Amino acid sequence: MVEQNKDAYPLALRQTQGSIRAEAADWQSWLMFFLRSLAEQVRRLEKKAEREKRVLVAMPELSLQIVEFAREHGRVTIGEAIKLTGASRNTLKQHFRALVERGHLKPHGSGRGAWYELR
């Protein structure tokens, strides 16, 4: 958040630092900057969560299971997806291909050693 507020950050910091050794330090400038930054981050995360929710609702159940597994474990392989879902390798390959094409998964490696992570 500091990067997006390059002007406000040093000003708030200077105002607080200027009074830090005083009997009654003025923390208000710094705290207000910090709280505004947190509030902005919350707004951004809410928007992102809402977008992701809309995408996930429209996703086939099998694809959703794959994405959730990758989210929980950091990565997923087709072999893991077979164990998780009981679906055939060919069916899962189609889902993985679609998830890569739509930008949900990023592939690493090739063949049976391939694994996928969330983008």
N, C-alpha and C. Protein backbone atom coordinates (compact mmCIF):
# COMPACT_ATOMS: atom_id res chain seq x y z
N MET A 1 0.82 -1.19 0.00
CA MET A 1 0.00 0.00 0.00
C MET A 1 0.86 1.25 0.00
N VAL A 2 2.07 1.17 0.52
CA VAL A 2 2.94 2.33 0.56
C VAL A 2 3.25 2.78 -0.86
N GLU A 3 3.46 1.84 -1.77
CA GLU A 3 3.77 2.18 -3.16
C GLU A 3 2.69 3.04 -3.79
N GLN A 4 1.41 2.73 -3.50
CA GLN A 4 0.32 3.49 -4.08
C GLN A 4 0.14 4.85 -3.41
N ASN A 5 0.76 5.06 -2.27
CA ASN A 5 0.61 6.31 -1.52
C ASN A 5 1.97 6.96 -1.27
N LYS A 6 2.77 7.08 -2.31
CA LYS A 6 4.12 7.59 -2.16
C LYS A 6 4.16 8.99 -1.57
N ASP A 7 3.15 9.79 -1.81
CA ASP A 7 3.13 11.16 -1.27
C ASP A 7 2.66 11.20 0.17
N ALA A 8 1.65 10.44 0.51
CA ALA A 8 1.05 10.49 1.84
C ALA A 8 1.93 9.80 2.88
N TYR A 9 2.60 8.75 2.50
CA TYR A 9 3.41 7.99 3.47
C TYR A 9 4.51 8.83 4.13
N PRO A 10 5.40 9.48 3.34
CA PRO A 10 6.47 10.24 3.99
C PRO A 10 5.95 11.42 4.84
N LEU A 11 4.85 12.01 4.38
CA LEU A 11 4.28 13.11 5.15
C LEU A 11 3.78 12.63 6.51
N ALA A 12 3.04 11.54 6.52
CA ALA A 12 2.54 10.98 7.78
C ALA A 12 3.69 10.55 8.67
N LEU A 13 4.70 9.96 8.09
CA LEU A 13 5.85 9.51 8.86
C LEU A 13 6.61 10.69 9.48
N ARG A 14 6.85 11.73 8.69
CA ARG A 14 7.55 12.92 9.20
C ARG A 14 6.79 13.58 10.34
N GLN A 15 5.46 13.69 10.17
CA GLN A 15 4.65 14.33 11.21
C GLN A 15 4.73 13.54 12.52
N THR A 16 4.72 12.25 12.43
CA THR A 16 4.80 11.43 13.64
C THR A 16 6.21 11.45 14.22
N GLN A 17 7.21 11.32 13.37
CA GLN A 17 8.59 11.32 13.85
C GLN A 17 8.96 12.65 14.50
N GLY A 18 8.38 13.74 14.00
CA GLY A 18 8.66 15.05 14.57
C GLY A 18 8.21 15.19 16.01
N SER A 19 7.25 14.40 16.41
CA SER A 19 6.72 14.52 17.77
C SER A 19 7.04 13.29 18.63
N ILE A 20 7.81 12.38 18.12
CA ILE A 20 8.04 11.11 18.81
C ILE A 20 8.73 11.29 20.16
N ARG A 21 9.59 12.27 20.28
CA ARG A 21 10.31 12.49 21.54
C ARG A 21 9.57 13.46 22.46
N ALA A 22 8.47 13.98 21.99
CA ALA A 22 7.68 14.90 22.81
C ALA A 22 6.95 14.13 23.90
N GLU A 23 6.50 14.86 24.89
CA GLU A 23 5.78 14.23 26.00
C GLU A 23 4.52 13.53 25.50
N ALA A 24 3.83 14.17 24.56
CA ALA A 24 2.62 13.58 23.98
C ALA A 24 2.84 13.44 22.48
N ALA A 25 3.37 12.31 22.06
CA ALA A 25 3.66 12.08 20.64
C ALA A 25 2.36 12.12 19.83
N ASP A 26 2.46 12.64 18.61
CA ASP A 26 1.31 12.74 17.71
C ASP A 26 1.32 11.54 16.76
N TRP A 27 0.57 10.52 17.10
CA TRP A 27 0.49 9.31 16.29
C TRP A 27 -0.64 9.38 15.27
N GLN A 28 -1.46 10.41 15.34
CA GLN A 28 -2.67 10.47 14.52
C GLN A 28 -2.37 10.41 13.02
N SER A 29 -1.38 11.17 12.54
CA SER A 29 -1.08 11.17 11.10
C SER A 29 -0.71 9.77 10.61
N TRP A 30 0.17 9.12 11.35
CA TRP A 30 0.60 7.79 10.96
C TRP A 30 -0.55 6.78 11.05
N LEU A 31 -1.30 6.82 12.14
CA LEU A 31 -2.41 5.89 12.30
C LEU A 31 -3.48 6.08 11.23
N MET A 32 -3.79 7.32 10.91
CA MET A 32 -4.80 7.58 9.87
C MET A 32 -4.32 7.07 8.52
N PHE A 33 -3.03 7.29 8.20
CA PHE A 33 -2.48 6.76 6.95
C PHE A 33 -2.60 5.23 6.93
N PHE A 34 -2.19 4.61 8.03
CA PHE A 34 -2.22 3.16 8.12
C PHE A 34 -3.64 2.61 8.00
N LEU A 35 -4.59 3.22 8.70
CA LEU A 35 -5.98 2.76 8.66
C LEU A 35 -6.60 2.96 7.28
N ARG A 36 -6.31 4.09 6.64
CA ARG A 36 -6.81 4.30 5.27
C ARG A 36 -6.24 3.26 4.32
N SER A 37 -4.96 2.95 4.48
CA SER A 37 -4.32 1.93 3.64
C SER A 37 -4.98 0.57 3.85
N LEU A 38 -5.25 0.22 5.10
CA LEU A 38 -5.92 -1.05 5.39
C LEU A 38 -7.32 -1.08 4.79
N ALA A 39 -8.05 0.01 4.93
CA ALA A 39 -9.41 0.07 4.38
C ALA A 39 -9.39 -0.09 2.86
N GLU A 40 -8.42 0.54 2.20
CA GLU A 40 -8.30 0.40 0.75
C GLU A 40 -7.97 -1.04 0.37
N GLN A 41 -7.10 -1.67 1.13
CA GLN A 41 -6.76 -3.07 0.86
C GLN A 41 -7.97 -3.97 1.03
N VAL A 42 -8.78 -3.72 2.04
CA VAL A 42 -10.00 -4.50 2.26
C VAL A 42 -10.93 -4.34 1.06
N ARG A 43 -11.10 -3.11 0.57
CA ARG A 43 -11.97 -2.88 -0.60
C ARG A 43 -11.46 -3.65 -1.81
N ARG A 44 -10.16 -3.62 -2.04
CA ARG A 44 -9.59 -4.33 -3.19
C ARG A 44 -9.78 -5.84 -3.06
N LEU A 45 -9.56 -6.37 -1.87
CA LEU A 45 -9.73 -7.80 -1.65
C LEU A 45 -11.19 -8.23 -1.80
N GLU A 46 -12.11 -7.39 -1.36
CA GLU A 46 -13.54 -7.70 -1.52
C GLU A 46 -13.90 -7.77 -3.00
N LYS A 47 -13.41 -6.82 -3.79
CA LYS A 47 -13.67 -6.83 -5.24
C LYS A 47 -13.08 -8.08 -5.88
N LYS A 48 -11.85 -8.40 -5.49
CA LYS A 48 -11.20 -9.59 -6.05
C LYS A 48 -11.95 -10.86 -5.67
N ALA A 49 -12.38 -10.95 -4.43
CA ALA A 49 -13.13 -12.12 -3.97
C ALA A 49 -14.45 -12.24 -4.72
N GLU A 50 -15.11 -11.14 -4.97
CA GLU A 50 -16.39 -11.16 -5.70
C GLU A 50 -16.18 -11.62 -7.14
N ARG A 51 -15.11 -11.11 -7.79
CA ARG A 51 -14.81 -11.55 -9.16
C ARG A 51 -14.52 -13.05 -9.19
N GLU A 52 -13.70 -13.51 -8.23
CA GLU A 52 -13.36 -14.93 -8.19
C GLU A 52 -14.59 -15.79 -7.92
N LYS A 53 -15.47 -15.30 -7.08
CA LYS A 53 -16.70 -16.04 -6.76
C LYS A 53 -17.56 -16.23 -8.01
N ARG A 54 -17.67 -15.16 -8.82
CA ARG A 54 -18.46 -15.27 -10.05
C ARG A 54 -17.85 -16.27 -11.02
N VAL A 55 -16.53 -16.28 -11.10
CA VAL A 55 -15.84 -17.21 -12.00
C VAL A 55 -16.03 -18.64 -11.50
N LEU A 56 -15.89 -18.86 -10.20
CA LEU A 56 -15.99 -20.20 -9.65
C LEU A 56 -17.41 -20.76 -9.76
N VAL A 57 -18.41 -19.91 -9.64
CA VAL A 57 -19.80 -20.37 -9.74
C VAL A 57 -20.08 -20.93 -11.14
N ALA A 58 -19.47 -20.31 -12.15
CA ALA A 58 -19.71 -20.73 -13.53
C ALA A 58 -18.84 -21.93 -13.94
N MET A 59 -17.93 -22.36 -13.09
CA MET A 59 -16.99 -23.41 -13.42
C MET A 59 -17.61 -24.80 -13.21
N PRO A 60 -17.33 -25.75 -14.11
CA PRO A 60 -17.81 -27.12 -13.90
C PRO A 60 -17.28 -27.68 -12.57
N GLU A 61 -18.03 -28.57 -11.96
CA GLU A 61 -17.68 -29.12 -10.66
C GLU A 61 -16.29 -29.77 -10.65
N LEU A 62 -15.96 -30.49 -11.69
CA LEU A 62 -14.67 -31.16 -11.76
C LEU A 62 -13.53 -30.14 -11.79
N SER A 63 -13.69 -29.10 -12.56
CA SER A 63 -12.69 -28.03 -12.62
C SER A 63 -12.56 -27.34 -11.27
N LEU A 64 -13.68 -27.13 -10.63
CA LEU A 64 -13.69 -26.50 -9.31
C LEU A 64 -12.91 -27.34 -8.31
N GLN A 65 -13.07 -28.65 -8.34
CA GLN A 65 -12.33 -29.54 -7.44
C GLN A 65 -10.83 -29.44 -7.70
N ILE A 66 -10.45 -29.35 -8.95
CA ILE A 66 -9.03 -29.23 -9.32
C ILE A 66 -8.46 -27.93 -8.77
N VAL A 67 -9.17 -26.84 -8.99
CA VAL A 67 -8.70 -25.52 -8.52
C VAL A 67 -8.61 -25.49 -7.00
N GLU A 68 -9.60 -26.04 -6.32
CA GLU A 68 -9.58 -26.05 -4.86
C GLU A 68 -8.41 -26.88 -4.33
N PHE A 69 -8.13 -28.01 -4.96
CA PHE A 69 -6.99 -28.83 -4.54
C PHE A 69 -5.69 -28.04 -4.72
N ALA A 70 -5.55 -27.37 -5.85
CA ALA A 70 -4.34 -26.57 -6.11
C ALA A 70 -4.23 -25.44 -5.08
N ARG A 71 -5.34 -24.85 -4.71
CA ARG A 71 -5.33 -23.77 -3.71
C ARG A 71 -4.89 -24.30 -2.34
N GLU A 72 -5.37 -25.45 -1.98
CA GLU A 72 -5.06 -26.02 -0.66
C GLU A 72 -3.63 -26.56 -0.57
N HIS A 73 -3.11 -27.10 -1.67
CA HIS A 73 -1.81 -27.78 -1.64
C HIS A 73 -0.70 -27.03 -2.38
N GLY A 74 -1.04 -25.92 -3.03
CA GLY A 74 -0.03 -25.15 -3.75
C GLY A 74 0.22 -25.62 -5.16
N ARG A 75 -0.20 -26.81 -5.47
CA ARG A 75 -0.02 -27.38 -6.82
C ARG A 75 -0.89 -28.62 -6.95
N VAL A 76 -1.05 -29.09 -8.20
CA VAL A 76 -1.85 -30.28 -8.45
C VAL A 76 -1.31 -30.98 -9.70
N THR A 77 -1.39 -32.30 -9.69
CA THR A 77 -1.03 -33.10 -10.87
C THR A 77 -2.29 -33.80 -11.36
N ILE A 78 -2.23 -34.30 -12.57
CA ILE A 78 -3.37 -35.05 -13.09
C ILE A 78 -3.56 -36.32 -12.25
N GLY A 79 -2.47 -36.96 -11.86
CA GLY A 79 -2.56 -38.16 -11.02
C GLY A 79 -3.28 -37.88 -9.70
N GLU A 80 -2.97 -36.75 -9.08
CA GLU A 80 -3.66 -36.38 -7.84
C GLU A 80 -5.14 -36.14 -8.09
N ALA A 81 -5.43 -35.51 -9.23
CA ALA A 81 -6.83 -35.23 -9.58
C ALA A 81 -7.60 -36.52 -9.83
N ILE A 82 -6.95 -37.52 -10.40
CA ILE A 82 -7.60 -38.82 -10.61
C ILE A 82 -7.98 -39.42 -9.26
N LYS A 83 -7.03 -39.41 -8.31
CA LYS A 83 -7.31 -39.95 -6.98
C LYS A 83 -8.41 -39.16 -6.28
N LEU A 84 -8.38 -37.85 -6.44
CA LEU A 84 -9.36 -36.97 -5.78
C LEU A 84 -10.77 -37.15 -6.32
N THR A 85 -10.88 -37.23 -7.65
CA THR A 85 -12.21 -37.19 -8.28
C THR A 85 -12.70 -38.53 -8.80
N GLY A 86 -11.77 -39.43 -9.11
CA GLY A 86 -12.17 -40.70 -9.71
C GLY A 86 -12.48 -40.58 -11.20
N ALA A 87 -12.26 -39.41 -11.77
CA ALA A 87 -12.52 -39.20 -13.20
C ALA A 87 -11.39 -39.80 -14.02
N SER A 88 -11.65 -40.01 -15.30
CA SER A 88 -10.64 -40.60 -16.18
C SER A 88 -9.55 -39.57 -16.51
N ARG A 89 -8.39 -40.09 -16.87
CA ARG A 89 -7.25 -39.23 -17.24
C ARG A 89 -7.63 -38.31 -18.40
N ASN A 90 -8.31 -38.85 -19.41
CA ASN A 90 -8.66 -38.04 -20.59
C ASN A 90 -9.64 -36.92 -20.23
N THR A 91 -10.61 -37.22 -19.39
CA THR A 91 -11.56 -36.19 -18.95
C THR A 91 -10.82 -35.10 -18.18
N LEU A 92 -9.94 -35.51 -17.30
CA LEU A 92 -9.19 -34.53 -16.51
C LEU A 92 -8.25 -33.70 -17.38
N LYS A 93 -7.64 -34.31 -18.37
CA LYS A 93 -6.77 -33.56 -19.28
C LYS A 93 -7.56 -32.42 -19.94
N GLN A 94 -8.79 -32.70 -20.32
CA GLN A 94 -9.63 -31.65 -20.93
C GLN A 94 -9.88 -30.51 -19.95
N HIS A 95 -10.15 -30.87 -18.69
CA HIS A 95 -10.40 -29.84 -17.68
C HIS A 95 -9.13 -29.03 -17.39
N PHE A 96 -8.00 -29.73 -17.29
CA PHE A 96 -6.73 -29.02 -17.06
C PHE A 96 -6.43 -28.09 -18.23
N ARG A 97 -6.64 -28.56 -19.44
CA ARG A 97 -6.39 -27.74 -20.63
C ARG A 97 -7.25 -26.49 -20.60
N ALA A 98 -8.53 -26.64 -20.28
CA ALA A 98 -9.44 -25.50 -20.22
C ALA A 98 -9.03 -24.53 -19.10
N LEU A 99 -8.61 -25.07 -17.96
CA LEU A 99 -8.19 -24.21 -16.85
C LEU A 99 -6.93 -23.43 -17.20
N VAL A 100 -6.02 -24.04 -17.95
CA VAL A 100 -4.82 -23.34 -18.41
C VAL A 100 -5.20 -22.26 -19.41
N GLU A 101 -6.05 -22.60 -20.37
CA GLU A 101 -6.46 -21.64 -21.41
C GLU A 101 -7.19 -20.44 -20.82
N ARG A 102 -7.96 -20.66 -19.77
CA ARG A 102 -8.71 -19.56 -19.14
C ARG A 102 -7.88 -18.80 -18.10
N GLY A 103 -6.64 -19.23 -17.92
CA GLY A 103 -5.74 -18.51 -17.03
C GLY A 103 -5.87 -18.83 -15.56
N HIS A 104 -6.51 -19.95 -15.22
CA HIS A 104 -6.65 -20.33 -13.83
C HIS A 104 -5.43 -21.11 -13.32
N LEU A 105 -4.85 -21.92 -14.19
CA LEU A 105 -3.69 -22.74 -13.82
C LEU A 105 -2.51 -22.42 -14.72
N LYS A 106 -1.33 -22.58 -14.16
CA LYS A 106 -0.08 -22.42 -14.91
C LYS A 106 0.62 -23.77 -14.93
N PRO A 107 0.90 -24.31 -16.13
CA PRO A 107 1.54 -25.63 -16.20
C PRO A 107 3.05 -25.56 -15.99
N HIS A 108 3.61 -26.64 -15.45
CA HIS A 108 5.05 -26.80 -15.27
C HIS A 108 5.41 -28.21 -15.70
N GLY A 109 6.39 -28.32 -16.56
CA GLY A 109 6.81 -29.64 -17.03
C GLY A 109 5.88 -30.17 -18.10
N SER A 110 6.13 -31.44 -18.46
CA SER A 110 5.29 -32.07 -19.48
C SER A 110 5.15 -33.56 -19.18
N GLY A 111 4.20 -34.17 -19.85
CA GLY A 111 3.97 -35.59 -19.67
C GLY A 111 3.45 -35.92 -18.28
N ARG A 112 3.75 -37.11 -17.82
CA ARG A 112 3.24 -37.55 -16.51
C ARG A 112 3.87 -36.81 -15.34
N GLY A 113 4.98 -36.14 -15.57
CA GLY A 113 5.63 -35.37 -14.51
C GLY A 113 5.13 -33.94 -14.40
N ALA A 114 4.17 -33.58 -15.23
CA ALA A 114 3.66 -32.20 -15.24
C ALA A 114 2.89 -31.92 -13.96
N TRP A 115 2.98 -30.69 -13.52
CA TRP A 115 2.19 -30.23 -12.39
C TRP A 115 1.70 -28.81 -12.68
N TYR A 116 0.72 -28.37 -11.95
CA TYR A 116 0.04 -27.11 -12.22
C TYR A 116 -0.10 -26.32 -10.92
N GLU A 117 0.04 -25.01 -11.05
CA GLU A 117 -0.18 -24.14 -9.91
C GLU A 117 -1.20 -23.07 -10.29
N LEU A 118 -1.78 -22.45 -9.29
CA LEU A 118 -2.73 -21.36 -9.55
C LEU A 118 -2.01 -20.16 -10.11
N ARG A 119 -2.68 -19.45 -10.98
CA ARG A 119 -2.10 -18.19 -11.50
C ARG A 119 -2.53 -17.06 -10.62
